[in-house]
Protein backbone atom coordinates (compact mmCIF):
# COMPACT_ATOMS: atom_id res chain seq x y z
CA MET A 1 104.45 24.03 52.85
CA PRO A 2 101.36 21.02 54.15
CA GLU A 3 98.18 22.02 52.70
CA PRO A 4 94.69 22.43 54.83
CA SER A 5 92.03 19.63 53.77
CA LEU A 6 89.57 22.11 53.35
CA LEU A 7 89.71 25.68 52.22
CA PRO A 8 87.40 28.01 54.00
CA ALA A 9 86.67 29.60 50.55
CA GLY A 10 83.87 32.07 49.36
CA ALA A 11 81.48 31.36 47.19
CA ASP A 12 82.34 34.20 44.90
CA GLN A 13 86.05 32.77 44.41
CA PRO A 14 86.82 31.26 41.39
CA VAL A 15 89.27 28.27 40.86
CA LEU A 16 91.91 29.09 38.86
CA VAL A 17 93.50 26.82 35.87
CA PHE A 18 97.03 27.87 35.08
CA ASP A 19 99.00 26.54 31.83
CA SER A 20 101.72 27.76 29.62
CA GLY A 21 99.38 26.76 26.59
CA ILE A 22 96.09 24.70 26.37
CA GLY A 23 97.40 21.78 27.40
CA GLY A 24 95.60 22.62 31.26
CA LEU A 25 92.35 22.15 29.51
CA THR A 26 92.64 18.56 29.96
CA VAL A 27 92.67 19.39 33.93
CA LEU A 28 89.76 21.91 33.47
CA ARG A 29 87.92 19.33 31.94
CA GLU A 30 87.93 16.84 34.92
CA ALA A 31 87.71 19.79 37.48
CA ARG A 32 84.20 21.12 35.78
CA VAL A 33 82.70 17.31 36.56
CA LEU A 34 84.02 17.14 40.40
CA ILE A 35 83.60 20.84 41.32
CA PRO A 36 80.53 21.79 39.43
CA GLU A 37 79.83 24.64 41.77
CA ARG A 38 82.56 26.55 41.30
CA ARG A 39 83.30 29.25 38.27
CA PHE A 40 86.75 28.75 36.72
CA VAL A 41 88.83 31.38 35.21
CA TYR A 42 91.89 29.31 33.02
CA VAL A 43 94.96 31.54 31.98
CA ALA A 44 96.65 30.59 29.54
CA ASP A 45 100.25 32.24 29.56
CA ASP A 46 101.07 31.84 25.61
CA ALA A 47 102.95 34.82 25.43
CA GLY A 48 105.89 32.21 27.22
CA PHE A 49 104.95 29.37 25.24
CA PRO A 50 106.68 27.03 25.10
CA TYR A 51 108.54 26.94 28.60
CA GLY A 52 111.12 24.34 27.31
CA GLY A 53 113.35 27.25 26.25
CA TRP A 54 113.69 29.38 29.19
CA ALA A 55 116.42 28.76 31.64
CA GLU A 56 114.73 27.84 34.76
CA ASP A 57 115.73 31.11 36.99
CA VAL A 58 114.42 33.22 34.51
CA LEU A 59 111.08 31.01 34.16
CA ARG A 60 110.83 30.82 38.02
CA ASP A 61 110.82 34.62 38.61
CA HIS A 62 108.34 34.67 35.69
CA ILE A 63 105.88 32.46 36.75
CA VAL A 64 105.95 33.90 40.48
CA MET A 65 105.71 37.56 39.08
CA LEU A 66 102.43 36.40 36.77
CA PHE A 67 101.08 34.87 39.82
CA GLY A 68 101.24 38.18 41.57
CA LYS A 69 99.26 39.69 39.26
CA LEU A 70 96.89 36.74 38.58
CA LEU A 71 95.98 36.66 42.55
CA ARG A 72 95.07 40.37 42.72
CA ALA A 73 93.05 40.47 39.58
CA TYR A 74 91.36 37.06 40.76
CA GLN A 75 91.58 36.31 44.27
CA PRO A 76 91.28 32.42 43.80
CA ALA A 77 89.64 29.96 46.00
CA LEU A 78 92.65 27.74 45.06
CA CYS A 79 95.15 27.92 41.82
CA VAL A 80 95.61 24.76 39.86
CA VAL A 81 99.09 24.84 38.25
CA ALA A 82 98.28 22.30 35.74
CA CYS A 83 101.90 22.30 34.03
CA ASN A 84 104.34 19.94 34.99
CA THR A 85 107.07 22.31 33.72
CA ALA A 86 105.82 25.09 35.68
CA PHE A 87 105.58 23.19 39.05
CA THR A 88 108.42 21.61 39.12
CA VAL A 89 110.48 25.29 38.33
CA ALA A 90 108.27 27.51 40.31
CA GLY A 91 106.09 25.26 42.68
CA ALA A 92 107.97 25.59 46.12
CA ALA A 93 108.75 29.42 44.78
CA LEU A 94 104.74 30.17 44.62
CA ARG A 95 103.97 28.41 47.75
CA THR A 96 106.86 30.58 49.67
CA VAL A 97 105.79 33.76 48.44
CA TYR A 98 102.30 33.34 48.29
CA PRO A 99 101.75 31.44 51.44
CA ASP A 100 97.76 32.36 51.76
CA THR A 101 97.12 31.05 48.42
CA VAL A 102 97.09 27.11 48.48
CA PHE A 103 98.50 25.63 44.57
CA VAL A 104 97.52 22.57 43.29
CA GLY A 105 100.40 21.08 41.37
CA THR A 106 101.37 18.64 38.50
CA VAL A 107 104.03 16.63 38.66
CA PRO A 108 104.67 13.40 36.60
CA ALA A 109 102.63 10.22 37.48
CA ILE A 110 105.41 7.79 38.64
CA LYS A 111 104.11 7.17 41.79
CA PRO A 112 100.55 5.41 40.50
CA ALA A 113 102.57 4.40 37.21
CA ALA A 114 105.17 1.85 39.59
CA GLU A 115 102.16 0.89 41.36
CA ARG A 116 100.01 -0.37 38.32
CA THR A 117 103.00 -1.66 36.21
CA ARG A 118 103.34 -5.78 36.00
CA SER A 119 106.17 -5.87 33.67
CA GLY A 120 108.03 -3.16 35.59
CA LEU A 121 108.93 -1.14 32.61
CA VAL A 122 107.45 2.45 32.66
CA SER A 123 108.28 4.94 29.96
CA VAL A 124 107.80 8.89 31.43
CA LEU A 125 107.22 10.90 28.18
CA ALA A 126 107.23 14.56 28.92
CA THR A 127 109.27 17.90 28.08
CA PRO A 128 113.19 18.11 27.94
CA GLY A 129 113.00 20.05 31.29
CA THR A 130 110.57 17.68 32.82
CA VAL A 131 113.00 14.69 32.04
CA GLN A 132 116.29 16.30 33.32
CA ARG A 133 115.04 17.89 36.45
CA ASP A 134 116.08 16.61 39.98
CA TYR A 135 112.95 16.75 41.00
CA THR A 136 111.74 13.97 38.46
CA ARG A 137 114.28 11.75 39.33
CA ARG A 138 113.65 11.94 43.00
CA LEU A 139 110.14 10.81 42.08
CA ILE A 140 112.02 8.03 40.57
CA GLN A 141 113.77 6.97 43.46
CA SER A 142 111.43 7.44 45.79
CA PHE A 143 108.52 5.51 44.44
CA ALA A 144 109.99 3.49 41.42
CA SER A 145 113.29 2.38 42.42
CA ARG A 146 112.29 -0.96 41.63
CA CYS A 147 110.69 -0.48 37.97
CA GLN A 148 112.87 0.24 35.18
CA VAL A 149 111.98 4.23 34.11
CA ARG A 150 112.90 5.64 30.75
CA LEU A 151 112.59 9.53 30.91
CA VAL A 152 111.74 10.81 27.04
CA GLY A 153 111.90 13.85 26.61
CA SER A 154 110.03 15.62 23.54
CA ALA A 155 110.75 19.19 22.39
CA ARG A 156 107.93 19.09 19.89
CA LEU A 157 105.31 17.35 21.44
CA ALA A 158 103.53 20.13 23.37
CA GLN A 159 103.57 22.34 20.14
CA MET A 160 101.80 19.57 18.15
CA ALA A 161 99.69 18.95 20.36
CA GLU A 162 98.59 22.46 19.97
CA ALA A 163 98.26 22.23 16.95
CA TYR A 164 96.68 18.81 16.43
CA ILE A 165 93.49 20.17 19.23
CA ARG A 166 93.54 23.42 16.80
CA GLY A 167 92.48 21.38 13.65
CA LEU A 168 95.59 21.60 11.94
CA PRO A 169 97.47 18.94 10.45
CA VAL A 170 100.30 16.58 12.14
CA PRO A 171 101.63 14.31 10.18
CA ASP A 172 101.60 10.31 11.89
CA GLU A 173 104.79 9.91 11.04
CA ASP A 174 106.49 13.22 13.76
CA ILE A 175 104.33 11.74 16.54
CA ARG A 176 105.87 8.38 16.01
CA THR A 177 108.98 9.96 16.11
CA GLU A 178 108.51 11.13 19.52
CA ILE A 179 107.42 9.00 20.72
CA ALA A 180 109.10 5.51 19.99
CA ALA A 181 111.98 5.72 22.53
CA CYS A 182 109.12 5.00 25.11
CA PHE A 183 108.60 1.62 24.04
CA VAL A 184 111.42 -0.73 25.29
CA GLU A 185 111.83 -4.52 25.32
CA ASP A 186 113.55 -6.36 27.86
CA GLY A 187 113.58 -10.13 27.00
CA ALA A 188 109.85 -11.37 27.20
CA ALA A 189 109.04 -8.32 29.38
CA ARG A 190 107.94 -4.91 27.41
CA THR A 191 106.99 -1.30 28.32
CA ASP A 192 103.31 -1.53 29.87
CA ILE A 193 102.43 2.07 30.85
CA VAL A 194 103.83 5.06 29.80
CA VAL A 195 103.32 8.20 31.86
CA LEU A 196 102.02 11.40 30.17
CA GLY A 197 104.37 14.31 31.83
CA CYS A 198 102.89 17.06 30.34
CA THR A 199 99.46 18.05 30.21
CA HIS A 200 99.16 19.07 26.83
CA TYR A 201 99.83 15.17 25.54
CA PRO A 202 96.68 13.72 26.53
CA PHE A 203 94.78 15.74 23.53
CA LEU A 204 97.20 13.41 21.13
CA SER A 205 95.94 10.41 23.56
CA ASN A 206 94.02 8.55 20.38
CA VAL A 207 96.63 9.33 17.97
CA PHE A 208 98.95 7.50 20.78
CA ARG A 209 97.20 4.13 21.17
CA ARG A 210 97.22 4.16 17.16
CA LEU A 211 100.34 4.65 16.42
CA ALA A 212 101.81 2.58 19.31
CA PRO A 213 104.09 -0.39 18.25
CA TRP A 214 101.69 -2.54 21.34
CA PRO A 215 99.18 -1.51 23.52
CA VAL A 216 100.47 0.40 26.46
CA ASP A 217 98.57 2.11 29.53
CA TRP A 218 98.97 6.01 29.01
CA LEU A 219 98.73 7.03 32.25
CA ASP A 220 97.21 10.73 32.31
CA PRO A 221 96.90 12.90 35.64
CA ALA A 222 94.20 15.07 34.91
CA GLU A 223 91.61 12.97 37.16
CA ALA A 224 94.03 12.58 40.23
CA ILE A 225 94.71 16.56 40.08
CA ALA A 226 90.98 17.27 39.57
CA ARG A 227 90.17 15.09 42.89
CA HIS A 228 92.93 16.78 44.71
CA ALA A 229 91.51 20.21 44.14
CA ARG A 230 88.13 18.83 44.83
CA SER A 231 89.08 17.65 48.09
CA LEU A 232 90.19 20.92 49.35
CA LEU A 233 87.16 22.71 48.61
CA PRO A 234 84.06 22.75 50.56
CA LEU A 235 81.19 20.83 49.14
CA ALA A 236 77.92 22.89 48.33
CA ASP A 237 74.43 21.55 47.50
CA HIS A 238 73.71 23.79 44.88
CA ALA A 239 75.66 25.95 42.19
CA LEU A 240 77.30 28.86 43.40
CA HIS A 241 77.29 30.70 39.97
CA PRO A 242 74.90 29.61 38.03
CA ASP A 243 74.69 33.07 35.84
CA ALA A 244 78.47 33.41 36.10
CA ALA A 245 80.57 31.75 32.94
CA ASP A 246 84.17 30.54 32.86
CA SER A 247 86.44 32.57 31.57
CA ALA A 248 89.78 31.81 29.73
CA VAL A 249 92.58 34.67 30.04
CA LEU A 250 95.35 34.40 27.54
CA THR A 251 98.88 36.70 28.41
CA GLY A 252 99.48 37.10 24.67
CA GLY A 253 96.79 39.48 24.27
CA GLU A 254 93.95 38.84 21.70
CA PRO A 255 93.96 35.40 20.47
CA ASP A 256 93.76 33.97 17.04
CA PHE A 257 90.76 32.73 15.47
CA ALA A 258 91.60 28.92 16.12
CA THR A 259 92.57 30.15 19.28
CA ARG A 260 89.19 31.64 20.30
CA ARG A 261 87.15 29.03 18.78
CA LEU A 262 88.68 26.24 20.81
CA MET A 263 88.30 28.43 24.22
CA ASN A 264 84.65 28.73 23.11
CA SER A 265 83.91 24.75 22.74
CA PHE A 266 85.19 24.43 26.41
CA GLY A 267 82.98 26.54 27.42
CA LEU A 268 84.91 29.64 28.10
CA ALA A 269 84.60 33.19 27.62
CA VAL A 270 87.52 34.78 26.41
CA ALA A 271 88.47 37.38 28.42
CA ASP A 272 89.50 41.13 26.72
């Protein structure tokens, strides 16, 4: 379904940002900068995290059903699905089942990577589900056919990022093991871009840079996602919700202290 260039959204409608866990906070951070006049509802499906172990059809049905509840409860102006796995699995179904809602999706940034690479060696670091999906391979065929693209699936990095951002120890060697396959040498050419194919991964960007065997561009799609969301909402000259706090909703119920503190640090009031 083609998306309109501008949504006639009411002033009282929030922007809903959805992720399986905390990864979407990287997108929320950028969206707030570009859309300061809107309030945000951040939804973490921590009850379903991680999505990597779900059967694809079961996960699709779960996400579609969950969004039915979210759309009724919050009536958002726009929904940002800030999760590669969720959008590649359920994006088409969401747009079909809820045709009156505009969804901004998240897919691996393969096209900009192919445009920026100088060596022609690009790696996509993502969850195993994302690297295995036909959607990802079609992106490569469409936009990076002249590049050598290595798909690197990590079953552990999203959980490592969740632990790291909560202040828990994550051994360097464990992270180094997960990213090692991203670095390819072909004669004099080396990988020069690594696409972060999971919104959790930017939380570890500084660690990735420190542990990388040589410098590469770690491509974070958060800003591009936020710019697209901005383009679909009317501009406002002033804050529409100066007194309304942004909120976080966790499907798993009452969050632990570390999670609540994290949400609060992003200016989110955790909903009961």
